[in-house]
């Protein structure tokens, strides 16, 4: 996933938003997850990994597009 975060938004805030929205979407699509993870405090672990790389967009996007082709057929969710 390539995410461009404006400088005024903290990385932790952006990750929290993504994880929260994705959890809501997953629980809506798969109702069993509501019961399965109700007592555990959520579907995600507390931490996350972020890597900043010093490559330009022309080098990063082809890699991500290749991964998208590899992952076709898997669950597709939109965060909106």
Protein backbone atom coordinates (compact mmCIF):
# COMPACT_ATOMS: atom_id res chain seq x y z
CA UNK A 1 0.00 0.00 0.00
CA UNK A 2 1.33 3.41 -0.89
CA UNK A 3 -0.08 6.18 1.25
CA UNK A 4 0.80 9.83 0.89
CA UNK A 5 0.16 11.63 4.16
CA UNK A 6 0.18 15.42 4.29
CA UNK A 7 2.70 16.83 6.79
CA UNK A 8 -0.09 18.22 8.98
CA UNK A 9 -1.42 14.69 9.66
CA UNK A 10 0.55 12.41 11.94
CA UNK A 11 1.49 8.95 10.69
CA UNK A 12 -0.08 7.35 13.77
CA UNK A 13 -3.35 9.22 13.12
CA UNK A 14 -3.42 8.07 9.50
CA UNK A 15 -2.75 4.44 10.46
CA UNK A 16 -5.41 4.60 13.19
CA UNK A 17 -7.94 5.91 10.65
CA UNK A 18 -7.11 3.19 8.11
CA UNK A 19 -7.28 0.40 10.69
CA UNK A 20 -10.55 1.70 12.18
CA UNK A 21 -12.29 2.11 8.82
CA UNK A 22 -11.07 -1.24 7.53
CA UNK A 23 -12.21 -3.01 10.71
CA UNK A 24 -15.70 -1.50 10.31
CA UNK A 25 -15.85 -2.63 6.68
CA UNK A 26 -14.65 -6.15 7.51
CA UNK A 27 -17.16 -6.53 10.36
CA UNK A 28 -19.98 -5.31 8.11
CA UNK A 29 -19.02 -7.71 5.33
CA UNK A 30 -18.31 -10.65 7.65
CA UNK A 31 -20.76 -10.59 10.60
CA UNK A 32 -19.02 -13.50 12.35
CA UNK A 33 -16.11 -11.13 13.01
CA UNK A 34 -18.29 -9.00 15.28
CA UNK A 35 -18.69 -11.93 17.68
CA UNK A 36 -15.24 -13.37 17.18
CA UNK A 37 -13.41 -10.17 18.10
CA UNK A 38 -15.89 -8.55 20.49
CA UNK A 39 -13.93 -9.44 23.63
CA UNK A 40 -10.45 -9.06 22.21
CA UNK A 41 -10.61 -5.30 21.73
CA UNK A 42 -10.45 -5.34 17.94
CA UNK A 43 -9.15 -7.23 14.96
CA UNK A 44 -5.77 -5.49 14.75
CA UNK A 45 -2.68 -5.74 16.88
CA UNK A 46 -1.67 -2.57 18.70
CA UNK A 47 1.43 -1.84 16.64
CA UNK A 48 2.19 -1.15 13.00
CA UNK A 49 5.21 -0.84 10.75
CA UNK A 50 5.90 2.17 8.58
CA UNK A 51 8.79 2.53 6.21
CA UNK A 52 9.86 5.72 4.51
CA UNK A 53 11.88 5.21 1.39
CA UNK A 54 13.94 7.57 -0.65
CA UNK A 55 12.64 6.55 -4.06
CA UNK A 56 10.58 8.53 -6.45
CA UNK A 57 7.03 7.75 -7.47
CA UNK A 58 8.10 6.37 -10.85
CA UNK A 59 10.00 3.60 -9.07
CA UNK A 60 7.41 2.80 -6.39
CA UNK A 61 4.15 2.71 -8.37
CA UNK A 62 5.16 -0.04 -10.84
CA UNK A 63 6.00 -2.29 -7.89
CA UNK A 64 2.64 -1.61 -6.23
CA UNK A 65 0.79 -2.13 -9.53
CA UNK A 66 2.54 -5.47 -9.94
CA UNK A 67 1.42 -6.48 -6.44
CA UNK A 68 -2.13 -5.46 -7.33
CA UNK A 69 -2.07 -7.83 -10.31
CA UNK A 70 -0.72 -10.61 -8.08
CA UNK A 71 -3.53 -10.04 -5.55
CA UNK A 72 -6.45 -9.97 -8.01
CA UNK A 73 -9.34 -12.07 -6.82
CA UNK A 74 -8.77 -11.32 -3.15
CA UNK A 75 -11.21 -9.29 -1.10
CA UNK A 76 -11.47 -5.70 -2.28
CA UNK A 77 -12.65 -3.04 0.19
CA UNK A 78 -12.74 0.72 -0.21
CA UNK A 79 -12.19 3.15 2.63
CA UNK A 80 -14.54 6.07 2.21
